[in-house]
Amino acid sequence: MENDTIKAALKEAIYQRRSTRAFTGQPVPDDVIEEILDAGRHAPSAMNRQSTRFIVISNGGKLAELRDVMTGVLAGTQEKEGMSAALLSRIRKAREGMVDVTYGAPVLIVTANKKDYANQIADCSCALQNMMLTASAHGLGNCWINQFFTFRDEAPVREFFAALGVAEDEEVCGALAVGCAEDLQTEPLPRTGNPVVYVR
């Protein structure tokens, strides 16, 4: 592929990527999932440790079990001053039995890394970004899911992921919901934050 074509395709994937929070039940082909994972596995890692673990959940029963686990954990979370409005909303919805942290995505790619590793979040973040851009390049909706990291120390969450292979010395750092969007949005949102300072 010509260099200009690569640059144009990368820019398109970056600018068109939007978080999707409503998915259809349509499955994602295995070869596309493999390509998304390969992009994540090629992400940079500190000292090239390559210690991020990827867990791909596409089993409907396991996704339902995870939704139940997270609903229970959220419903039992005490509201505190200073909590984000988004988290408070999820806690309250969970108490009504109305929360799905995966937004109905047919595939969830979970990243985990060593608990005592100072760059665990950085490494997993790089992998998740690569996977988001690759999913977007395939015309798939995707959304970074933070709740598994936020509640990683809750026993039901630890036990669920331990059963899927997360070792005792590892913890979940983030996850990516992937699937066909009910209404795929690709128009870039205006940039009103992220100020830039130049030191020349």
Protein backbone atom coordinates (compact mmCIF):
# COMPACT_ATOMS: atom_id res chain seq x y z
CA MET A 1 0.00 0.00 0.00
CA GLU A 2 1.30 3.43 -0.93
CA ASN A 3 2.43 5.62 1.98
CA ASP A 4 -0.15 8.34 1.20
CA THR A 5 -2.92 5.73 1.11
CA ILE A 6 -1.84 4.35 4.49
CA LYS A 7 -1.80 7.84 5.99
CA ALA A 8 -5.23 8.65 4.56
CA ALA A 9 -6.74 5.38 5.85
CA LEU A 10 -5.23 5.90 9.31
CA LYS A 11 -6.50 9.47 9.50
CA GLU A 12 -9.96 8.33 8.44
CA ALA A 13 -10.02 5.64 11.15
CA ILE A 14 -8.90 8.14 13.80
CA TYR A 15 -11.33 10.88 12.84
CA GLN A 16 -14.33 8.60 12.27
CA ARG A 17 -13.96 6.59 15.49
CA ARG A 18 -16.86 7.26 17.86
CA SER A 19 -17.91 5.39 21.00
CA THR A 20 -20.88 3.12 20.32
CA ARG A 21 -23.32 2.35 23.11
CA ALA A 22 -26.00 0.43 21.22
CA PHE A 23 -25.14 -2.74 19.31
CA THR A 24 -27.10 -5.19 17.18
CA GLY A 25 -26.82 -8.88 17.96
CA GLN A 26 -25.09 -9.57 14.65
CA PRO A 27 -21.92 -11.65 15.19
CA VAL A 28 -18.50 -10.37 14.16
CA PRO A 29 -16.58 -12.71 11.82
CA ASP A 30 -13.68 -14.53 13.48
CA ASP A 31 -11.14 -13.27 10.95
CA VAL A 32 -12.08 -9.66 11.77
CA ILE A 33 -11.71 -10.33 15.50
CA GLU A 34 -8.30 -11.87 14.81
CA GLU A 35 -7.25 -8.77 12.88
CA ILE A 36 -8.42 -6.51 15.72
CA LEU A 37 -6.51 -8.64 18.25
CA ASP A 38 -3.40 -8.66 16.09
CA ALA A 39 -3.45 -4.86 16.08
CA GLY A 40 -3.67 -4.89 19.87
CA ARG A 41 -0.81 -7.36 20.16
CA HIS A 42 1.34 -5.10 17.97
CA ALA A 43 0.86 -2.12 20.26
CA PRO A 44 3.92 -0.72 22.03
CA SER A 45 4.68 -1.89 25.55
CA ALA A 46 7.24 -0.65 28.06
CA MET A 47 10.60 -2.35 27.46
CA ASN A 48 8.74 -4.52 24.91
CA ARG A 49 7.45 -6.71 27.75
CA GLN A 50 4.33 -7.77 25.80
CA SER A 51 2.68 -8.83 29.06
CA THR A 52 -0.89 -7.79 28.25
CA ARG A 53 -3.33 -10.70 28.29
CA PHE A 54 -6.31 -10.61 25.89
CA ILE A 55 -9.54 -12.44 26.70
CA VAL A 56 -12.17 -12.51 23.96
CA ILE A 57 -15.70 -13.17 25.20
CA SER A 58 -18.26 -13.91 22.50
CA ASN A 59 -20.19 -16.60 24.35
CA GLY A 60 -23.67 -15.21 24.95
CA GLY A 61 -24.05 -17.06 28.25
CA LYS A 62 -20.79 -15.68 29.60
CA LEU A 63 -21.66 -12.15 28.50
CA ALA A 64 -25.02 -12.48 30.28
CA GLU A 65 -23.24 -13.78 33.39
CA LEU A 66 -20.88 -10.81 33.29
CA ARG A 67 -23.81 -8.40 32.99
CA ASP A 68 -25.39 -10.02 36.05
CA VAL A 69 -22.11 -9.81 38.00
CA MET A 70 -21.65 -6.13 37.20
CA THR A 71 -25.31 -5.31 37.89
CA GLY A 72 -24.98 -6.87 41.34
CA VAL A 73 -21.72 -5.08 42.10
CA LEU A 74 -23.02 -1.72 40.91
CA ALA A 75 -26.31 -2.12 42.77
CA GLY A 76 -24.38 -2.76 45.98
CA THR A 77 -22.06 0.22 45.56
CA GLN A 78 -22.53 3.03 48.05
CA GLU A 79 -23.07 6.45 46.53
CA LYS A 80 -20.38 8.91 47.58
CA GLU A 81 -19.81 12.62 47.21
CA GLY A 82 -17.61 13.37 44.23
CA MET A 83 -18.67 10.33 42.17
CA SER A 84 -19.06 11.04 38.49
CA ALA A 85 -22.57 11.55 37.18
CA ALA A 86 -22.09 8.58 34.83
CA LEU A 87 -21.18 6.21 37.66
CA LEU A 88 -24.04 7.44 39.85
CA SER A 89 -26.43 6.87 36.96
CA ARG A 90 -25.17 3.30 36.49
CA ILE A 91 -25.48 2.54 40.20
CA ARG A 92 -29.08 3.75 40.24
CA LYS A 93 -29.96 1.86 37.06
CA ALA A 94 -28.40 -1.29 38.46
CA ARG A 95 -30.64 -1.05 41.51
CA GLU A 96 -33.56 -1.10 39.10
CA GLY A 97 -32.03 -4.04 37.20
CA MET A 98 -31.48 -1.94 34.07
CA VAL A 99 -27.71 -1.88 33.49
CA ASP A 100 -25.63 -3.53 30.77
CA VAL A 101 -22.02 -2.35 30.86
CA THR A 102 -21.32 -4.02 27.47
CA TYR A 103 -24.19 -2.17 25.73
CA GLY A 104 -25.30 -5.44 24.13
CA ALA A 105 -22.09 -5.92 22.14
CA PRO A 106 -21.63 -9.47 20.82
CA VAL A 107 -17.89 -9.38 21.53
CA LEU A 108 -15.95 -8.10 24.51
CA ILE A 109 -12.15 -7.99 24.38
CA VAL A 110 -10.73 -7.75 27.89
CA THR A 111 -7.15 -6.67 28.60
CA ALA A 112 -5.31 -7.66 31.77
CA ASN A 113 -1.77 -7.16 33.02
CA LYS A 114 0.41 -7.73 36.06
CA LYS A 115 -0.77 -6.05 39.28
CA ASP A 116 2.72 -4.93 40.28
CA TYR A 117 3.65 -3.64 36.82
CA ALA A 118 3.93 0.17 36.78
CA ASN A 119 3.04 0.40 33.08
CA GLN A 120 0.04 -1.94 33.10
CA ILE A 121 -2.47 0.80 32.23
CA ALA A 122 -0.23 2.40 29.61
CA ASP A 123 0.40 -0.92 27.86
CA CYS A 124 -3.26 -1.95 27.90
CA SER A 125 -4.32 1.52 26.77
CA CYS A 126 -2.02 1.36 23.74
CA ALA A 127 -3.45 -2.05 22.85
CA LEU A 128 -7.03 -0.87 23.27
CA GLN A 129 -6.42 2.18 21.07
CA ASN A 130 -4.97 0.03 18.30
CA MET A 131 -7.97 -2.30 18.53
CA MET A 132 -10.48 0.57 18.51
CA LEU A 133 -8.97 2.05 15.37
CA THR A 134 -8.89 -1.34 13.64
CA ALA A 135 -12.51 -2.02 14.58
CA SER A 136 -13.46 1.41 13.24
CA ALA A 137 -11.58 0.74 10.01
CA HIS A 138 -13.82 -2.33 9.60
CA GLY A 139 -16.93 -0.21 10.08
CA LEU A 140 -17.64 -1.72 13.50
CA GLY A 141 -18.93 0.08 16.53
CA ASN A 142 -16.70 -0.06 19.59
CA CYS A 143 -16.51 1.37 23.08
CA TRP A 144 -13.86 1.34 25.80
CA ILE A 145 -15.31 -0.16 28.99
CA ASN A 146 -13.77 1.06 32.28
CA GLN A 147 -16.04 -0.54 34.88
CA PHE A 148 -14.08 -3.80 35.11
CA PHE A 149 -10.99 -1.85 36.16
CA THR A 150 -12.93 0.38 38.53
CA PHE A 151 -14.39 -2.66 40.30
CA ARG A 152 -11.45 -5.03 39.82
CA ASP A 153 -11.08 -5.64 43.57
CA GLU A 154 -14.69 -6.72 44.06
CA ALA A 155 -14.81 -10.48 44.71
CA PRO A 156 -17.50 -11.32 42.09
CA VAL A 157 -15.53 -9.44 39.41
CA ARG A 158 -12.22 -11.11 40.35
CA GLU A 159 -13.83 -14.54 40.44
CA PHE A 160 -15.51 -14.11 37.07
CA PHE A 161 -12.29 -13.13 35.30
CA ALA A 162 -10.19 -15.66 37.22
CA ALA A 163 -12.44 -18.37 35.78
CA LEU A 164 -11.57 -17.06 32.30
CA GLY A 165 -7.81 -17.19 32.86
CA VAL A 166 -6.83 -13.95 34.59
CA ALA A 167 -4.08 -15.07 36.96
CA GLU A 168 -3.88 -14.19 40.64
CA ASP A 169 -1.02 -11.77 39.97
CA GLU A 170 -2.96 -10.03 37.16
CA GLU A 171 -5.90 -7.66 37.03
CA VAL A 172 -8.24 -6.40 34.36
CA CYS A 173 -7.18 -2.97 33.08
CA GLY A 174 -9.81 -2.23 30.45
CA ALA A 175 -12.03 -3.79 27.83
CA LEU A 176 -13.41 -3.12 24.38
CA ALA A 177 -16.99 -3.78 23.33
CA VAL A 178 -17.10 -4.55 19.60
CA GLY A 179 -19.94 -5.20 17.19
CA CYS A 180 -22.26 -3.81 14.55
CA ALA A 181 -23.72 -0.54 15.75
CA GLU A 182 -27.45 0.07 15.72
CA ASP A 183 -26.67 3.53 14.35
CA LEU A 184 -23.00 3.94 13.49
CA GLN A 185 -21.88 7.54 13.98
CA THR A 186 -18.74 8.54 12.09
CA GLU A 187 -18.96 12.32 12.02
CA PRO A 188 -16.17 13.66 14.26
CA LEU A 189 -17.37 15.54 17.32
CA PRO A 190 -16.08 19.10 17.71
CA ARG A 191 -12.90 19.33 19.77
CA THR A 192 -13.66 21.69 22.64
CA GLY A 193 -11.03 20.41 25.09
CA ASN A 194 -7.52 18.98 24.99
CA PRO A 195 -5.64 22.31 24.92
CA VAL A 196 -2.25 22.40 23.26
CA VAL A 197 0.79 24.34 24.49
CA TYR A 198 3.72 24.88 22.13
CA VAL A 199 7.21 25.40 23.55
CA ARG A 200 9.39 26.39 20.58
